[in-house]
């Protein structure tokens, strides 16, 4: 049997993987991949721009004016990417006292409720951020000359991604994925 990684639909190693669980795992892994890709690109670009600016300032007495503004666009994308990678891996902050104390059926209900609350919060943030997104279409960074919407669009990426991941997690839980496979202590990045 193929190992599909940390979101393996058959954690007990027996039997065939269910297609729905495999599909949801693949979609979540794809979202995580986009987050990793965005994080690498934004970190690399910010580092190169900052390094070039430092070299130009100290060796040639002149820097790159836009190097100070590029972070206003890229840093929100880096944070959004990190949020989605953490959410897709289940390594975001979690308090597991109550779920750990519950039997499988009650734990399943609690986990579905938690994911539903995450969807509700994510959709609420998306809806309430619409005025900010509309206003940012008219704000321009002075040196770069690009609209601030490019930085604020990371809100849509992060919260829409979290809502999709939570919806897929609900599907996984209802389709019979193990509710005991999350090893929070060993998966935590903190």
Protein backbone atom coordinates (compact mmCIF):
# COMPACT_ATOMS: atom_id res chain seq x y z
CA UNK A 1 0.00 0.00 0.00
CA UNK A 2 1.20 3.50 -0.77
CA UNK A 3 2.00 5.86 2.07
CA UNK A 4 0.25 9.17 1.40
CA UNK A 5 2.18 11.01 4.12
CA UNK A 6 0.90 12.61 7.31
CA UNK A 7 -2.68 12.66 6.05
CA UNK A 8 -2.73 8.95 5.29
CA UNK A 9 -6.30 7.71 4.98
CA UNK A 10 -5.40 4.24 6.24
CA UNK A 11 -3.31 4.86 9.39
CA UNK A 12 -3.74 1.31 10.64
CA UNK A 13 -1.97 -0.07 7.56
CA UNK A 14 -4.78 -2.53 6.83
CA UNK A 15 -7.14 -2.64 3.91
CA UNK A 16 -7.49 -0.36 0.95
CA UNK A 17 -7.54 3.41 1.15
CA UNK A 18 -10.92 5.00 0.60
CA UNK A 19 -10.97 7.19 -2.54
CA UNK A 20 -12.66 10.13 -0.76
CA UNK A 21 -10.01 10.12 1.96
CA UNK A 22 -7.24 9.93 -0.62
CA UNK A 23 -8.78 12.79 -2.62
CA UNK A 24 -9.22 15.04 0.41
CA UNK A 25 -5.67 14.28 1.53
CA UNK A 26 -4.33 15.16 -1.91
CA UNK A 27 -6.21 18.46 -2.00
CA UNK A 28 -4.95 19.40 1.47
CA UNK A 29 -1.41 18.43 0.46
CA UNK A 30 -1.74 20.58 -2.68
CA UNK A 31 -2.82 23.56 -0.57
CA UNK A 32 0.18 22.93 1.70
CA UNK A 33 2.45 22.79 -1.36
CA UNK A 34 1.20 26.18 -2.56
CA UNK A 35 1.93 27.58 0.88
CA UNK A 36 5.45 26.15 0.86
CA UNK A 37 6.06 27.49 -2.64
CA UNK A 38 4.83 30.96 -1.71
CA UNK A 39 6.93 30.93 1.47
CA UNK A 40 10.11 29.98 -0.41
CA UNK A 41 9.54 32.54 -3.16
CA UNK A 42 8.67 35.40 -0.80
CA UNK A 43 11.52 34.66 1.63
CA UNK A 44 14.02 34.32 -1.20
CA UNK A 45 12.92 37.51 -2.92
CA UNK A 46 12.88 39.53 0.31
CA UNK A 47 16.32 38.21 1.28
CA UNK A 48 17.86 38.96 -2.12
CA UNK A 49 16.30 42.45 -2.22
CA UNK A 50 17.50 43.22 1.30
CA UNK A 51 20.99 41.84 0.64
CA UNK A 52 21.30 43.77 -2.62
CA UNK A 53 20.12 46.92 -0.88
CA UNK A 54 22.67 46.52 1.92
CA UNK A 55 25.49 45.87 -0.54
CA UNK A 56 24.52 48.85 -2.68
CA UNK A 57 24.18 51.14 0.34
CA UNK A 58 27.51 50.27 1.93
CA UNK A 59 29.67 49.77 -1.14
CA UNK A 60 28.17 52.30 -3.54
CA UNK A 61 26.47 54.81 -1.19
CA UNK A 62 23.08 54.25 -2.83
CA UNK A 63 20.37 51.69 -2.29
CA UNK A 64 17.28 50.38 -3.95
CA UNK A 65 14.34 52.58 -2.98
CA UNK A 66 11.72 49.90 -3.57
CA UNK A 67 13.51 47.40 -1.29
CA UNK A 68 11.83 49.06 1.68
CA UNK A 69 8.33 48.71 0.22
CA UNK A 70 8.49 45.20 -1.19
CA UNK A 71 8.01 43.80 2.30
CA UNK A 72 4.61 45.49 2.54
CA UNK A 73 3.45 43.24 -0.27
CA UNK A 74 5.40 40.04 0.38
CA UNK A 75 5.34 39.73 4.19
CA UNK A 76 1.55 39.24 4.35
CA UNK A 77 1.90 36.48 1.75
CA UNK A 78 4.62 34.82 3.82
CA UNK A 79 2.40 34.86 6.90
CA UNK A 80 -0.61 33.56 4.93
CA UNK A 81 1.49 30.76 3.48
CA UNK A 82 2.71 29.79 6.94
CA UNK A 83 -0.84 29.72 8.27
CA UNK A 84 -1.97 27.34 5.53
CA UNK A 85 1.05 25.06 5.87
CA UNK A 86 0.45 24.82 9.61
CA UNK A 87 -3.30 24.27 9.17
CA UNK A 88 -2.76 21.57 6.53
CA UNK A 89 -0.35 19.68 8.76
CA UNK A 90 -2.32 20.15 11.96
CA UNK A 91 0.68 21.90 13.54
CA UNK A 92 -1.09 25.10 14.43
CA UNK A 93 -1.69 25.89 18.10
CA UNK A 94 -4.04 23.34 19.65
CA UNK A 95 -5.27 22.55 23.13
CA UNK A 96 -6.09 18.86 23.23
CA UNK A 97 -7.18 18.25 26.82
CA UNK A 98 -10.88 17.85 25.99
CA UNK A 99 -10.51 15.80 22.77
CA UNK A 100 -7.99 13.52 24.46
CA UNK A 101 -10.46 12.78 27.25
CA UNK A 102 -13.34 11.83 24.93
CA UNK A 103 -14.21 8.48 23.37
CA UNK A 104 -14.12 8.12 19.58
CA UNK A 105 -17.75 9.10 18.88
CA UNK A 106 -17.75 12.21 21.04
CA UNK A 107 -14.30 13.16 19.79
CA UNK A 108 -15.53 12.90 16.20
CA UNK A 109 -18.45 15.26 16.99
CA UNK A 110 -16.16 17.72 18.76
CA UNK A 111 -13.65 17.75 15.91
CA UNK A 112 -16.41 18.36 13.34
CA UNK A 113 -17.73 21.20 15.51
CA UNK A 114 -14.25 22.74 15.76
CA UNK A 115 -13.76 22.56 12.00
CA UNK A 116 -17.22 24.10 11.48
CA UNK A 117 -16.28 27.01 13.78
CA UNK A 118 -13.06 27.50 11.80
CA UNK A 119 -15.11 27.68 8.60
CA UNK A 120 -17.49 30.18 10.21
CA UNK A 121 -14.61 32.38 11.40
CA UNK A 122 -12.81 32.18 8.05
CA UNK A 123 -15.92 33.11 6.07
CA UNK A 124 -16.66 35.94 8.53
CA UNK A 125 -13.15 37.34 8.06
CA UNK A 126 -13.51 37.07 4.28
CA UNK A 127 -16.83 38.90 4.33
CA UNK A 128 -15.76 41.58 6.80
CA UNK A 129 -12.51 42.26 4.92
CA UNK A 130 -14.31 43.25 1.72
CA UNK A 131 -14.27 47.01 2.49
CA UNK A 132 -10.53 46.85 3.17
CA UNK A 133 -9.92 44.96 -0.06
CA UNK A 134 -12.01 47.45 -2.03
CA UNK A 135 -10.19 50.42 -0.48
CA UNK A 136 -6.77 48.87 -1.09
CA UNK A 137 -7.47 48.87 -4.82
CA UNK A 138 -6.99 52.64 -4.72
CA UNK A 139 -3.91 52.74 -2.46
CA UNK A 140 -0.58 52.69 -4.26
CA UNK A 141 2.87 52.10 -2.82
CA UNK A 142 4.80 55.26 -3.60
CA UNK A 143 8.08 53.78 -4.85
CA UNK A 144 6.91 50.50 -6.34
CA UNK A 145 3.81 52.02 -7.89
CA UNK A 146 1.76 48.88 -7.31
CA UNK A 147 -1.60 48.70 -5.62
CA UNK A 148 -1.85 47.59 -1.99
CA UNK A 149 -4.45 45.02 -3.03
CA UNK A 150 -1.58 42.68 -3.89
CA UNK A 151 -0.60 42.48 -0.23
CA UNK A 152 -4.15 42.40 1.11
CA UNK A 153 -5.09 39.60 -1.29
CA UNK A 154 -3.16 37.32 1.04
CA UNK A 155 -6.16 37.57 3.40
CA UNK A 156 -8.33 35.87 0.82
CA UNK A 157 -5.69 33.20 0.18
CA UNK A 158 -5.20 32.45 3.89
CA UNK A 159 -8.78 32.43 5.07
CA UNK A 160 -10.30 30.81 1.99
CA UNK A 161 -7.58 28.16 2.24
CA UNK A 162 -8.35 27.59 5.92
CA UNK A 163 -12.06 27.25 5.14
CA UNK A 164 -11.34 24.71 2.39
CA UNK A 165 -8.98 22.72 4.64
CA UNK A 166 -11.59 22.67 7.43
CA UNK A 167 -14.33 21.58 5.03
CA UNK A 168 -12.10 18.79 3.76
CA UNK A 169 -11.28 17.78 7.33
CA UNK A 170 -15.00 17.53 8.07
CA UNK A 171 -15.36 15.29 5.00
CA UNK A 172 -12.44 13.16 6.18
CA UNK A 173 -13.86 12.80 9.68
CA UNK A 174 -17.36 11.95 8.41
CA UNK A 175 -15.89 9.48 5.89
CA UNK A 176 -14.26 7.53 8.68
CA UNK A 177 -10.74 8.91 9.02
CA UNK A 178 -9.19 8.11 12.35
CA UNK A 179 -9.78 10.75 15.00
CA UNK A 180 -6.89 9.43 17.04
CA UNK A 181 -4.11 9.72 14.44
CA UNK A 182 -3.11 13.30 15.33
CA UNK A 183 0.06 13.14 17.40
CA UNK A 184 0.09 16.78 18.49
CA UNK A 185 3.05 16.49 20.83
CA UNK A 186 5.38 15.10 18.16
CA UNK A 187 3.98 17.09 15.22
CA UNK A 188 4.23 20.50 16.90
CA UNK A 189 6.79 22.84 15.40
CA UNK A 190 7.11 24.85 18.62
